[in-house]
């Protein structure tokens, strides 16, 4: 078991220049479990992000890969280069939800982005772990699963929808209610990341809320 936690991984962040991608890349750059950090985006800004992170005194080798919205071939080439040898691919790419947008509106845009990225993953690094942050997660993850199934490489143990935000919020809110340190509170949350399906399991929280 110890070896699993000492291994270092090659990680790609797809959508690294965005509002989630940039701070996520910064955090990954400080992780002792990351050896290589490949930052990809369709905007040139990602090269600046990669350059800044590469100057920080941490272990990972950081490389930027910028696509070009006007050149599909170049974009595909850079995306494939960013994925070469990768063991973990994290996808925060896509538009954030804006005021007035429904999740259907968001899906209409982000589904295509996620589809393109997952297709590239299937071609370049089919055995890597895929972590999808792009919303609506409850819909983008099934899209990814169907693409991987069509390619004959679907493994449910290697495809994840990242909804940690809901756990973080639950821990913070419950800690405030019971006057506890958020670091010492854990509230499991199930149902993915949708207002209709999210369900915090208060009965399974630690410390026990019945005693609080």
N, C-alpha and C. Protein backbone atom coordinates (compact mmCIF):
# COMPACT_ATOMS: atom_id res chain seq x y z
N UNK A 1 0.83 -1.21 0.00
CA UNK A 1 0.00 0.00 0.00
C UNK A 1 0.87 1.26 0.00
N UNK A 2 2.00 1.21 0.72
CA UNK A 2 2.83 2.40 0.83
C UNK A 2 3.33 2.85 -0.53
N UNK A 3 3.65 1.88 -1.42
CA UNK A 3 4.19 2.23 -2.73
C UNK A 3 3.19 3.03 -3.55
N UNK A 4 1.89 2.79 -3.35
CA UNK A 4 0.86 3.51 -4.10
C UNK A 4 0.88 4.99 -3.78
N UNK A 5 1.31 5.34 -2.58
CA UNK A 5 1.30 6.73 -2.16
C UNK A 5 2.65 7.42 -2.38
N UNK A 6 3.68 6.66 -2.75
CA UNK A 6 4.97 7.27 -3.01
C UNK A 6 5.22 7.41 -4.51
N UNK A 7 4.41 6.78 -5.33
CA UNK A 7 4.55 6.90 -6.78
C UNK A 7 4.23 8.31 -7.24
N UNK A 8 4.98 8.78 -8.22
CA UNK A 8 4.72 10.09 -8.81
C UNK A 8 4.08 9.89 -10.18
N UNK A 9 3.18 10.80 -10.52
CA UNK A 9 2.37 10.64 -11.73
C UNK A 9 2.60 11.78 -12.73
N UNK A 10 2.47 11.43 -14.00
CA UNK A 10 2.43 12.43 -15.06
C UNK A 10 0.97 12.85 -15.22
N UNK A 11 0.73 14.15 -15.08
CA UNK A 11 -0.64 14.67 -15.05
C UNK A 11 -0.83 15.72 -16.14
N UNK A 12 -1.96 15.67 -16.81
CA UNK A 12 -2.32 16.71 -17.78
C UNK A 12 -3.57 17.43 -17.29
N UNK A 13 -3.53 18.75 -17.36
CA UNK A 13 -4.70 19.57 -17.04
C UNK A 13 -5.21 20.14 -18.36
N UNK A 14 -6.39 19.74 -18.76
CA UNK A 14 -6.96 20.16 -20.04
C UNK A 14 -7.97 21.28 -19.80
N UNK A 15 -7.55 22.49 -20.14
CA UNK A 15 -8.31 23.68 -19.81
C UNK A 15 -7.60 24.42 -18.69
N UNK A 16 -6.26 24.43 -18.78
CA UNK A 16 -5.44 24.94 -17.68
C UNK A 16 -5.40 26.45 -17.57
N UNK A 17 -5.90 27.17 -18.56
CA UNK A 17 -5.84 28.63 -18.52
C UNK A 17 -7.10 29.26 -17.95
N UNK A 18 -8.08 28.45 -17.61
CA UNK A 18 -9.36 28.98 -17.12
C UNK A 18 -9.38 29.28 -15.64
N UNK A 19 -10.55 29.69 -15.18
CA UNK A 19 -10.70 30.09 -13.78
C UNK A 19 -10.51 28.97 -12.80
N UNK A 20 -10.79 27.74 -13.20
CA UNK A 20 -10.52 26.57 -12.36
C UNK A 20 -9.15 26.00 -12.70
N UNK A 21 -8.82 25.97 -13.97
CA UNK A 21 -7.57 25.36 -14.42
C UNK A 21 -6.33 25.99 -13.84
N UNK A 22 -6.30 27.31 -13.71
CA UNK A 22 -5.09 27.97 -13.20
C UNK A 22 -4.81 27.64 -11.74
N UNK A 23 -5.76 27.85 -10.82
CA UNK A 23 -5.47 27.49 -9.43
C UNK A 23 -5.27 25.99 -9.24
N UNK A 24 -5.98 25.18 -10.02
CA UNK A 24 -5.79 23.74 -9.94
C UNK A 24 -4.36 23.36 -10.33
N UNK A 25 -3.86 23.98 -11.39
CA UNK A 25 -2.50 23.71 -11.84
C UNK A 25 -1.48 24.13 -10.79
N UNK A 26 -1.74 25.24 -10.13
CA UNK A 26 -0.86 25.70 -9.06
C UNK A 26 -0.80 24.67 -7.92
N UNK A 27 -1.96 24.16 -7.53
CA UNK A 27 -2.01 23.16 -6.46
C UNK A 27 -1.31 21.87 -6.87
N UNK A 28 -1.53 21.43 -8.09
CA UNK A 28 -0.89 20.21 -8.56
C UNK A 28 0.63 20.38 -8.64
N UNK A 29 1.07 21.57 -8.97
CA UNK A 29 2.50 21.84 -9.07
C UNK A 29 3.19 21.70 -7.71
N UNK A 30 2.42 21.85 -6.64
CA UNK A 30 2.98 21.71 -5.30
C UNK A 30 2.78 20.33 -4.71
N UNK A 31 2.22 19.42 -5.49
CA UNK A 31 1.95 18.07 -4.97
C UNK A 31 3.19 17.19 -5.05
N UNK A 32 3.48 16.45 -3.98
CA UNK A 32 4.62 15.53 -3.99
C UNK A 32 4.36 14.29 -4.84
N UNK A 33 3.13 14.14 -5.35
CA UNK A 33 2.76 12.96 -6.13
C UNK A 33 2.76 13.22 -7.63
N UNK A 34 3.19 14.41 -8.03
CA UNK A 34 3.21 14.77 -9.46
C UNK A 34 4.65 14.95 -9.92
N UNK A 35 5.03 14.25 -10.98
CA UNK A 35 6.38 14.37 -11.53
C UNK A 35 6.40 15.24 -12.79
N UNK A 36 5.35 15.14 -13.58
CA UNK A 36 5.23 15.90 -14.82
C UNK A 36 3.86 16.54 -14.88
N UNK A 37 3.81 17.83 -15.22
CA UNK A 37 2.54 18.55 -15.29
C UNK A 37 2.43 19.20 -16.66
N UNK A 38 1.54 18.67 -17.48
CA UNK A 38 1.31 19.20 -18.82
C UNK A 38 0.05 20.06 -18.82
N UNK A 39 0.20 21.30 -19.21
CA UNK A 39 -0.93 22.24 -19.19
C UNK A 39 -1.37 22.53 -20.62
N UNK A 40 -2.64 22.22 -20.91
CA UNK A 40 -3.17 22.42 -22.26
C UNK A 40 -4.38 23.34 -22.23
N UNK A 41 -4.45 24.20 -23.23
CA UNK A 41 -5.64 25.02 -23.44
C UNK A 41 -5.65 25.48 -24.88
N UNK A 42 -6.78 26.01 -25.32
CA UNK A 42 -6.89 26.49 -26.70
C UNK A 42 -6.48 27.95 -26.81
N UNK A 43 -6.10 28.56 -25.71
CA UNK A 43 -5.68 29.96 -25.73
C UNK A 43 -4.19 30.05 -25.37
N UNK A 44 -3.46 31.01 -25.97
CA UNK A 44 -2.02 31.14 -25.74
C UNK A 44 -1.64 31.42 -24.29
N UNK A 45 -2.59 31.94 -23.51
CA UNK A 45 -2.33 32.26 -22.11
C UNK A 45 -1.75 31.08 -21.34
N UNK A 46 -2.07 29.87 -21.78
CA UNK A 46 -1.61 28.69 -21.05
C UNK A 46 -0.09 28.59 -21.02
N UNK A 47 0.57 29.12 -22.04
CA UNK A 47 2.03 29.10 -22.05
C UNK A 47 2.61 29.98 -20.95
N UNK A 48 1.94 31.11 -20.69
CA UNK A 48 2.37 31.98 -19.60
C UNK A 48 2.15 31.34 -18.25
N UNK A 49 1.02 30.66 -18.10
CA UNK A 49 0.73 29.95 -16.85
C UNK A 49 1.80 28.89 -16.60
N UNK A 50 2.13 28.14 -17.64
CA UNK A 50 3.15 27.09 -17.52
C UNK A 50 4.51 27.68 -17.17
N UNK A 51 4.85 28.80 -17.80
CA UNK A 51 6.14 29.44 -17.52
C UNK A 51 6.22 29.89 -16.07
N UNK A 52 5.16 30.52 -15.59
CA UNK A 52 5.14 30.97 -14.19
C UNK A 52 5.29 29.80 -13.23
N UNK A 53 4.55 28.74 -13.46
CA UNK A 53 4.60 27.59 -12.55
C UNK A 53 5.95 26.89 -12.61
N UNK A 54 6.57 26.90 -13.78
CA UNK A 54 7.87 26.22 -13.92
C UNK A 54 8.97 26.93 -13.14
N UNK A 55 8.72 28.18 -12.74
CA UNK A 55 9.72 28.93 -11.98
C UNK A 55 9.58 28.75 -10.48
N UNK A 56 8.53 28.06 -10.05
CA UNK A 56 8.31 27.82 -8.63
C UNK A 56 9.20 26.65 -8.20
N UNK A 57 9.75 26.75 -7.02
CA UNK A 57 10.71 25.76 -6.54
C UNK A 57 10.02 24.48 -6.03
N UNK A 58 9.36 23.81 -6.95
CA UNK A 58 8.71 22.54 -6.65
C UNK A 58 9.22 21.48 -7.62
N UNK A 59 8.85 20.22 -7.40
CA UNK A 59 9.41 19.11 -8.15
C UNK A 59 8.95 18.91 -9.57
N UNK A 60 7.67 19.08 -9.89
CA UNK A 60 7.18 18.71 -11.22
C UNK A 60 7.81 19.51 -12.36
N UNK A 61 8.01 18.84 -13.48
CA UNK A 61 8.40 19.51 -14.72
C UNK A 61 7.11 20.00 -15.37
N UNK A 62 7.04 21.30 -15.63
CA UNK A 62 5.81 21.91 -16.15
C UNK A 62 6.00 22.33 -17.61
N UNK A 63 5.07 21.92 -18.46
CA UNK A 63 5.15 22.26 -19.88
C UNK A 63 3.78 22.74 -20.36
N UNK A 64 3.78 23.81 -21.15
CA UNK A 64 2.54 24.34 -21.69
C UNK A 64 2.31 23.91 -23.13
N UNK A 65 1.06 23.67 -23.47
CA UNK A 65 0.67 23.28 -24.83
C UNK A 65 -0.54 24.11 -25.23
N UNK A 66 -0.34 25.05 -26.14
CA UNK A 66 -1.43 25.93 -26.56
C UNK A 66 -1.95 25.55 -27.93
N UNK A 67 -3.26 25.35 -28.02
CA UNK A 67 -3.88 25.10 -29.30
C UNK A 67 -4.16 26.41 -30.01
N UNK A 68 -4.87 26.34 -31.10
CA UNK A 68 -5.20 27.53 -31.88
C UNK A 68 -6.61 27.33 -32.45
N UNK A 69 -7.54 28.16 -32.02
CA UNK A 69 -8.93 28.01 -32.45
C UNK A 69 -9.09 28.15 -33.96
N UNK A 70 -8.10 28.75 -34.62
CA UNK A 70 -8.16 28.93 -36.07
C UNK A 70 -7.48 27.80 -36.84
N UNK A 71 -6.83 26.90 -36.11
CA UNK A 71 -6.08 25.82 -36.75
C UNK A 71 -6.38 24.50 -36.04
N UNK A 72 -7.34 23.76 -36.55
CA UNK A 72 -7.77 22.52 -35.90
C UNK A 72 -6.68 21.46 -35.87
N UNK A 73 -5.89 21.40 -36.94
CA UNK A 73 -4.82 20.40 -37.00
C UNK A 73 -3.76 20.67 -35.94
N UNK A 74 -3.38 21.94 -35.81
CA UNK A 74 -2.38 22.31 -34.81
C UNK A 74 -2.92 22.05 -33.40
N UNK A 75 -4.18 22.38 -33.20
CA UNK A 75 -4.80 22.17 -31.89
C UNK A 75 -4.78 20.69 -31.52
N UNK A 76 -5.14 19.84 -32.46
CA UNK A 76 -5.13 18.40 -32.20
C UNK A 76 -3.72 17.90 -31.92
N UNK A 77 -2.76 18.43 -32.67
CA UNK A 77 -1.36 18.04 -32.48
C UNK A 77 -0.88 18.41 -31.08
N UNK A 78 -1.20 19.62 -30.64
CA UNK A 78 -0.77 20.07 -29.31
C UNK A 78 -1.47 19.28 -28.20
N UNK A 79 -2.75 19.00 -28.41
CA UNK A 79 -3.50 18.22 -27.42
C UNK A 79 -2.90 16.83 -27.27
N UNK A 80 -2.60 16.20 -28.39
CA UNK A 80 -2.01 14.86 -28.34
C UNK A 80 -0.64 14.89 -27.68
N UNK A 81 0.12 15.94 -27.94
CA UNK A 81 1.44 16.07 -27.31
C UNK A 81 1.31 16.22 -25.80
N UNK A 82 0.30 16.97 -25.37
CA UNK A 82 0.08 17.18 -23.94
C UNK A 82 -0.33 15.89 -23.24
N UNK A 83 -0.94 14.97 -23.97
CA UNK A 83 -1.44 13.73 -23.39
C UNK A 83 -0.44 12.58 -23.45
N UNK A 84 0.62 12.74 -24.19
CA UNK A 84 1.58 11.64 -24.37
C UNK A 84 2.21 11.25 -23.03
N UNK A 85 2.08 9.98 -22.67
CA UNK A 85 2.69 9.47 -21.45
C UNK A 85 1.97 9.82 -20.17
N UNK A 86 0.80 10.42 -20.30
CA UNK A 86 0.07 10.89 -19.12
C UNK A 86 -0.65 9.74 -18.42
N UNK A 87 -0.64 9.78 -17.08
CA UNK A 87 -1.32 8.75 -16.27
C UNK A 87 -2.61 9.27 -15.65
N UNK A 88 -2.72 10.59 -15.52
CA UNK A 88 -3.92 11.22 -14.98
C UNK A 88 -4.27 12.42 -15.84
N UNK A 89 -5.49 12.46 -16.35
CA UNK A 89 -5.95 13.62 -17.13
C UNK A 89 -7.11 14.27 -16.38
N UNK A 90 -6.94 15.55 -16.08
CA UNK A 90 -7.96 16.30 -15.36
C UNK A 90 -8.59 17.30 -16.33
N UNK A 91 -9.92 17.33 -16.39
CA UNK A 91 -10.61 18.17 -17.37
C UNK A 91 -11.47 19.23 -16.69
N UNK A 92 -10.93 20.45 -16.51
CA UNK A 92 -11.75 21.57 -16.05
C UNK A 92 -12.21 22.45 -17.22
N UNK A 93 -11.92 22.03 -18.45
CA UNK A 93 -12.22 22.84 -19.63
C UNK A 93 -13.71 23.07 -19.80
N UNK A 94 -14.03 24.17 -20.47
CA UNK A 94 -15.43 24.48 -20.76
C UNK A 94 -15.82 25.82 -20.18
N UNK A 95 -17.03 26.23 -20.49
CA UNK A 95 -17.54 27.50 -19.98
C UNK A 95 -18.12 27.31 -18.58
N UNK A 96 -17.93 28.30 -17.71
CA UNK A 96 -18.60 28.26 -16.41
C UNK A 96 -20.06 28.64 -16.58
N UNK A 97 -20.87 28.27 -15.63
CA UNK A 97 -22.29 28.61 -15.69
C UNK A 97 -22.46 30.09 -15.36
N UNK A 98 -23.11 30.81 -16.25
CA UNK A 98 -23.32 32.24 -16.08
C UNK A 98 -24.76 32.53 -15.66
N UNK A 99 -25.00 33.72 -15.09
CA UNK A 99 -26.37 34.07 -14.68
C UNK A 99 -27.35 33.92 -15.83
N UNK A 100 -28.46 33.26 -15.57
CA UNK A 100 -29.47 33.07 -16.60
C UNK A 100 -29.33 31.78 -17.39
N UNK A 101 -28.17 31.13 -17.27
CA UNK A 101 -27.94 29.88 -18.00
C UNK A 101 -28.53 28.70 -17.23
N UNK A 102 -29.19 27.83 -17.94
CA UNK A 102 -29.65 26.58 -17.34
C UNK A 102 -28.54 25.54 -17.52
N UNK A 103 -28.67 24.41 -16.84
CA UNK A 103 -27.69 23.35 -17.01
C UNK A 103 -27.78 22.75 -18.42
N UNK A 104 -28.95 22.86 -19.04
CA UNK A 104 -29.09 22.41 -20.42
C UNK A 104 -28.28 23.29 -21.36
N UNK A 105 -28.31 24.60 -21.09
CA UNK A 105 -27.51 25.54 -21.89
C UNK A 105 -26.03 25.21 -21.76
N UNK A 106 -25.62 24.95 -20.53
CA UNK A 106 -24.22 24.65 -20.25
C UNK A 106 -23.81 23.34 -20.92
N UNK A 107 -24.70 22.38 -20.86
CA UNK A 107 -24.42 21.07 -21.46
C UNK A 107 -24.23 21.18 -22.96
N UNK A 108 -25.04 22.01 -23.60
CA UNK A 108 -24.97 22.16 -25.06
C UNK A 108 -23.59 22.61 -25.51
N UNK A 109 -22.91 23.37 -24.66
CA UNK A 109 -21.57 23.86 -24.99
C UNK A 109 -20.48 22.90 -24.53
N UNK A 110 -20.55 22.52 -23.25
CA UNK A 110 -19.45 21.76 -22.65
C UNK A 110 -19.41 20.29 -23.08
N UNK A 111 -20.54 19.74 -23.50
CA UNK A 111 -20.55 18.34 -23.94
C UNK A 111 -19.62 18.15 -25.13
N UNK A 112 -19.64 19.10 -26.05
CA UNK A 112 -18.77 19.01 -27.22
C UNK A 112 -17.30 19.11 -26.86
N UNK A 113 -17.00 19.99 -25.91
CA UNK A 113 -15.61 20.17 -25.47
C UNK A 113 -15.10 18.90 -24.80
N UNK A 114 -15.89 18.36 -23.88
CA UNK A 114 -15.49 17.15 -23.18
C UNK A 114 -15.35 15.97 -24.15
N UNK A 115 -16.26 15.89 -25.10
CA UNK A 115 -16.21 14.80 -26.09
C UNK A 115 -14.91 14.82 -26.87
N UNK A 116 -14.51 16.00 -27.30
CA UNK A 116 -13.27 16.14 -28.06
C UNK A 116 -12.06 15.73 -27.23
N UNK A 117 -12.03 16.16 -25.98
CA UNK A 117 -10.89 15.86 -25.11
C UNK A 117 -10.82 14.38 -24.77
N UNK A 118 -11.95 13.79 -24.45
CA UNK A 118 -11.97 12.37 -24.09
C UNK A 118 -11.62 11.50 -25.29
N UNK A 119 -12.04 11.90 -26.47
CA UNK A 119 -11.68 11.17 -27.69
C UNK A 119 -10.17 11.16 -27.87
N UNK A 120 -9.53 12.30 -27.62
CA UNK A 120 -8.07 12.39 -27.72
C UNK A 120 -7.40 11.51 -26.66
N UNK A 121 -7.95 11.51 -25.46
CA UNK A 121 -7.41 10.67 -24.39
C UNK A 121 -7.48 9.20 -24.80
N UNK A 122 -8.59 8.80 -25.38
CA UNK A 122 -8.78 7.41 -25.81
C UNK A 122 -7.74 7.01 -26.85
N UNK A 123 -7.33 7.96 -27.67
CA UNK A 123 -6.37 7.68 -28.73
C UNK A 123 -4.93 7.68 -28.24
N UNK A 124 -4.61 8.56 -27.29
CA UNK A 124 -3.21 8.77 -26.89
C UNK A 124 -2.84 8.04 -25.60
N UNK A 125 -3.70 8.11 -24.59
CA UNK A 125 -3.37 7.50 -23.29
C UNK A 125 -4.60 6.78 -22.74
N UNK A 126 -5.01 5.70 -23.41
CA UNK A 126 -6.27 5.03 -23.08
C UNK A 126 -6.35 4.43 -21.68
N UNK A 127 -5.21 4.23 -21.03
CA UNK A 127 -5.22 3.63 -19.70
C UNK A 127 -5.12 4.65 -18.57
N UNK A 128 -5.12 5.92 -18.92
CA UNK A 128 -4.97 6.94 -17.87
C UNK A 128 -6.28 7.11 -17.11
N UNK A 129 -6.16 7.67 -15.91
CA UNK A 129 -7.34 8.00 -15.11
C UNK A 129 -7.87 9.35 -15.57
N UNK A 130 -9.18 9.46 -15.70
CA UNK A 130 -9.81 10.68 -16.22
C UNK A 130 -10.68 11.30 -15.13
N UNK A 131 -10.38 12.54 -14.79
CA UNK A 131 -11.14 13.26 -13.76
C UNK A 131 -11.85 14.44 -14.41
N UNK A 132 -13.16 14.40 -14.45
CA UNK A 132 -13.93 15.44 -15.14
C UNK A 132 -14.53 16.43 -14.15
N UNK A 133 -14.19 17.69 -14.35
CA UNK A 133 -14.72 18.78 -13.53
C UNK A 133 -15.76 19.58 -14.31
N UNK A 134 -15.66 19.55 -15.63
CA UNK A 134 -16.53 20.35 -16.50
C UNK A 134 -18.00 20.07 -16.23
N UNK A 135 -18.75 21.13 -15.99
CA UNK A 135 -20.18 21.00 -15.70
C UNK A 135 -21.03 20.96 -16.97
N UNK A 136 -22.23 20.37 -16.90
CA UNK A 136 -22.80 19.67 -15.74
C UNK A 136 -22.20 18.27 -15.59
N UNK A 137 -21.50 18.03 -14.48
CA UNK A 137 -20.77 16.78 -14.27
C UNK A 137 -21.68 15.56 -14.42
N UNK A 138 -22.91 15.67 -13.93
CA UNK A 138 -23.84 14.54 -14.03
C UNK A 138 -24.11 14.13 -15.47
N UNK A 139 -23.83 15.01 -16.41
CA UNK A 139 -24.06 14.72 -17.82
C UNK A 139 -22.77 14.52 -18.60
N UNK A 140 -21.72 15.26 -18.25
CA UNK A 140 -20.46 15.13 -19.00
C UNK A 140 -19.76 13.81 -18.72
N UNK A 141 -19.90 13.28 -17.51
CA UNK A 141 -19.29 11.99 -17.21
C UNK A 141 -19.92 10.86 -18.03
N UNK A 142 -21.27 10.78 -18.12
CA UNK A 142 -21.86 9.75 -18.99
C UNK A 142 -21.46 9.90 -20.46
N UNK A 143 -21.31 11.14 -20.91
CA UNK A 143 -20.85 11.36 -22.29
C UNK A 143 -19.47 10.73 -22.47
N UNK A 144 -18.58 10.99 -21.51
CA UNK A 144 -17.23 10.43 -21.57
C UNK A 144 -17.28 8.90 -21.55
N UNK A 145 -18.14 8.35 -20.71
CA UNK A 145 -18.25 6.90 -20.60
C UNK A 145 -18.67 6.28 -21.93
N UNK A 146 -19.62 6.91 -22.61
CA UNK A 146 -20.10 6.37 -23.89
C UNK A 146 -19.01 6.41 -24.95
N UNK A 147 -18.20 7.46 -24.94
CA UNK A 147 -17.10 7.56 -25.90
C UNK A 147 -16.09 6.45 -25.65
N UNK A 148 -15.75 6.23 -24.38
CA UNK A 148 -14.78 5.19 -24.03
C UNK A 148 -15.33 3.80 -24.36
N UNK A 149 -16.63 3.60 -24.16
CA UNK A 149 -17.25 2.32 -24.51
C UNK A 149 -17.17 2.08 -26.02
N UNK A 150 -17.42 3.14 -26.79
CA UNK A 150 -17.37 3.02 -28.25
C UNK A 150 -15.96 2.67 -28.73
N UNK A 151 -14.96 3.12 -27.97
CA UNK A 151 -13.56 2.83 -28.31
C UNK A 151 -13.11 1.48 -27.75
N UNK A 152 -13.97 0.85 -26.94
CA UNK A 152 -13.64 -0.45 -26.36
C UNK A 152 -12.66 -0.39 -25.21
N UNK A 153 -12.57 0.76 -24.53
CA UNK A 153 -11.58 0.89 -23.45
C UNK A 153 -12.21 1.41 -22.16
N UNK A 154 -13.52 1.33 -22.04
CA UNK A 154 -14.17 1.87 -20.84
C UNK A 154 -13.82 1.05 -19.61
N UNK A 155 -13.38 1.74 -18.57
CA UNK A 155 -13.09 1.13 -17.27
C UNK A 155 -13.67 2.05 -16.21
N UNK A 156 -14.75 1.64 -15.54
CA UNK A 156 -15.40 2.52 -14.55
C UNK A 156 -14.49 2.91 -13.39
N UNK A 157 -13.40 2.16 -13.21
CA UNK A 157 -12.46 2.47 -12.13
C UNK A 157 -11.49 3.58 -12.52
N UNK A 158 -11.56 4.00 -13.79
CA UNK A 158 -10.63 5.03 -14.27
C UNK A 158 -11.33 6.30 -14.75
N UNK A 159 -12.62 6.38 -14.52
CA UNK A 159 -13.38 7.58 -14.92
C UNK A 159 -14.08 8.16 -13.70
N UNK A 160 -13.82 9.44 -13.43
CA UNK A 160 -14.34 10.07 -12.22
C UNK A 160 -15.00 11.41 -12.54
N UNK A 161 -16.10 11.68 -11.86
CA UNK A 161 -16.69 13.01 -11.88
C UNK A 161 -16.29 13.69 -10.57
N UNK A 162 -15.64 14.82 -10.68
CA UNK A 162 -15.13 15.50 -9.48
C UNK A 162 -16.20 16.42 -8.90
N UNK A 163 -16.70 16.05 -7.73
CA UNK A 163 -17.73 16.86 -7.06
C UNK A 163 -17.31 17.18 -5.63
N UNK A 164 -16.01 17.27 -5.40
CA UNK A 164 -15.48 17.55 -4.07
C UNK A 164 -15.99 18.87 -3.52
N UNK A 165 -16.32 19.79 -4.40
CA UNK A 165 -16.83 21.10 -3.96
C UNK A 165 -18.01 20.94 -3.02
N UNK A 166 -18.89 19.99 -3.30
CA UNK A 166 -20.08 19.79 -2.46
C UNK A 166 -19.71 19.26 -1.08
N UNK A 167 -18.67 18.42 -1.01
CA UNK A 167 -18.20 17.91 0.28
C UNK A 167 -17.57 19.04 1.08
N UNK A 168 -16.77 19.86 0.41
CA UNK A 168 -16.12 20.99 1.07
C UNK A 168 -17.16 21.94 1.66
N UNK A 169 -18.17 22.24 0.87
CA UNK A 169 -19.23 23.13 1.34
C UNK A 169 -19.98 22.53 2.52
N UNK A 170 -20.32 21.25 2.41
CA UNK A 170 -21.05 20.59 3.49
C UNK A 170 -20.25 20.59 4.78
N UNK A 171 -18.96 20.29 4.66
CA UNK A 171 -18.11 20.29 5.85
C UNK A 171 -18.07 21.67 6.50
N UNK A 172 -17.96 22.69 5.67
CA UNK A 172 -17.88 24.07 6.18
C UNK A 172 -19.18 24.48 6.84
N UNK A 173 -20.31 24.21 6.18
CA UNK A 173 -21.61 24.62 6.72
C UNK A 173 -21.93 23.90 8.03
N UNK A 174 -21.69 22.60 8.05
CA UNK A 174 -21.98 21.82 9.26
C UNK A 174 -21.05 22.24 10.40
N UNK A 175 -19.79 22.47 10.08
CA UNK A 175 -18.84 22.91 11.11
C UNK A 175 -19.28 24.22 11.73
N UNK A 176 -19.80 25.13 10.90
CA UNK A 176 -20.27 26.42 11.41
C UNK A 176 -21.48 26.23 12.33
N UNK A 177 -22.35 25.30 11.98
CA UNK A 177 -23.56 25.06 12.77
C UNK A 177 -23.25 24.45 14.14
N UNK A 178 -22.25 23.57 14.19
CA UNK A 178 -21.96 22.88 15.45
C UNK A 178 -20.76 23.46 16.18
N UNK A 179 -20.18 24.53 15.60
CA UNK A 179 -19.05 25.18 16.26
C UNK A 179 -17.79 24.34 16.28
N UNK A 180 -17.54 23.61 15.18
CA UNK A 180 -16.37 22.74 15.11
C UNK A 180 -15.38 23.25 14.07
N UNK A 181 -14.17 22.71 14.11
CA UNK A 181 -13.15 23.01 13.12
C UNK A 181 -13.50 22.26 11.83
N UNK A 182 -13.63 22.94 10.69
CA UNK A 182 -13.98 22.26 9.44
C UNK A 182 -13.03 21.11 9.09
N UNK A 183 -11.77 21.22 9.51
CA UNK A 183 -10.81 20.16 9.24
C UNK A 183 -11.18 18.86 9.95
N UNK A 184 -12.01 18.95 10.98
CA UNK A 184 -12.36 17.77 11.77
C UNK A 184 -13.77 17.26 11.46
N UNK A 185 -14.39 17.85 10.43
CA UNK A 185 -15.75 17.46 10.04
C UNK A 185 -15.73 16.79 8.67
N UNK A 186 -16.47 15.71 8.54
CA UNK A 186 -16.59 15.04 7.25
C UNK A 186 -18.04 14.65 7.00
N UNK A 187 -18.63 15.25 5.97
CA UNK A 187 -20.01 14.95 5.60
C UNK A 187 -20.00 14.32 4.20
N UNK A 188 -20.24 13.02 4.09
CA UNK A 188 -20.30 12.39 2.76
C UNK A 188 -21.45 12.99 1.94
N UNK A 189 -21.19 13.19 0.65
CA UNK A 189 -22.22 13.73 -0.25
C UNK A 189 -22.34 12.80 -1.45
N UNK A 190 -23.56 12.40 -1.77
CA UNK A 190 -23.79 11.53 -2.93
C UNK A 190 -24.71 12.25 -3.92
N UNK A 191 -24.87 11.66 -5.10
CA UNK A 191 -25.81 12.22 -6.07
C UNK A 191 -25.18 13.08 -7.13
N UNK A 192 -23.83 13.07 -7.20
CA UNK A 192 -23.18 13.87 -8.23
C UNK A 192 -23.23 15.35 -7.91
N UNK A 193 -23.25 16.19 -8.97
CA UNK A 193 -23.17 17.63 -8.78
C UNK A 193 -24.32 18.31 -9.51
N UNK A 194 -25.51 18.17 -8.97
CA UNK A 194 -26.70 18.81 -9.52
C UNK A 194 -27.62 19.15 -8.37
N UNK A 195 -28.21 20.32 -8.44
CA UNK A 195 -29.08 20.75 -7.35
C UNK A 195 -30.23 19.80 -7.08
N UNK A 196 -30.64 19.05 -8.10
CA UNK A 196 -31.76 18.12 -7.95
C UNK A 196 -31.33 16.83 -7.28
N UNK A 197 -30.07 16.45 -7.45
CA UNK A 197 -29.62 15.12 -6.98
C UNK A 197 -28.66 15.14 -5.80
N UNK A 198 -28.04 16.28 -5.51
CA UNK A 198 -27.07 16.34 -4.41
C UNK A 198 -27.74 15.97 -3.10
N UNK A 199 -27.09 15.08 -2.34
CA UNK A 199 -27.65 14.66 -1.06
C UNK A 199 -26.54 14.48 -0.02
N UNK A 200 -26.42 15.42 0.93
CA UNK A 200 -25.44 15.25 2.01
C UNK A 200 -25.96 14.21 3.00
N UNK A 201 -25.13 13.24 3.34
CA UNK A 201 -25.53 12.18 4.26
C UNK A 201 -25.22 12.61 5.70
N UNK A 202 -26.10 13.42 6.25
CA UNK A 202 -25.87 13.97 7.59
C UNK A 202 -25.83 12.87 8.64
N UNK A 203 -26.56 11.79 8.41
CA UNK A 203 -26.57 10.69 9.38
C UNK A 203 -25.23 9.95 9.43
N UNK A 204 -24.42 10.12 8.37
CA UNK A 204 -23.12 9.45 8.31
C UNK A 204 -21.97 10.41 8.60
N UNK A 205 -22.30 11.63 9.02
CA UNK A 205 -21.27 12.64 9.26
C UNK A 205 -20.42 12.28 10.48
N UNK A 206 -19.18 12.74 10.44
CA UNK A 206 -18.32 12.65 11.62
C UNK A 206 -17.78 14.05 11.92
N UNK A 207 -17.86 14.47 13.20
CA UNK A 207 -18.43 13.73 14.33
C UNK A 207 -19.94 13.56 14.17
N UNK A 208 -20.51 12.63 14.93
CA UNK A 208 -21.94 12.35 14.84
C UNK A 208 -22.74 13.60 15.19
N UNK A 209 -23.65 13.98 14.30
CA UNK A 209 -24.45 15.18 14.54
C UNK A 209 -25.48 14.96 15.65
N UNK A 210 -25.83 13.71 15.90
CA UNK A 210 -26.80 13.42 16.97
C UNK A 210 -26.22 13.74 18.33
N UNK A 211 -24.87 13.70 18.41
CA UNK A 211 -24.21 14.00 19.67
C UNK A 211 -23.84 15.48 19.77
N UNK A 212 -24.02 16.17 18.66
CA UNK A 212 -23.64 17.59 18.64
C UNK A 212 -24.84 18.47 18.87
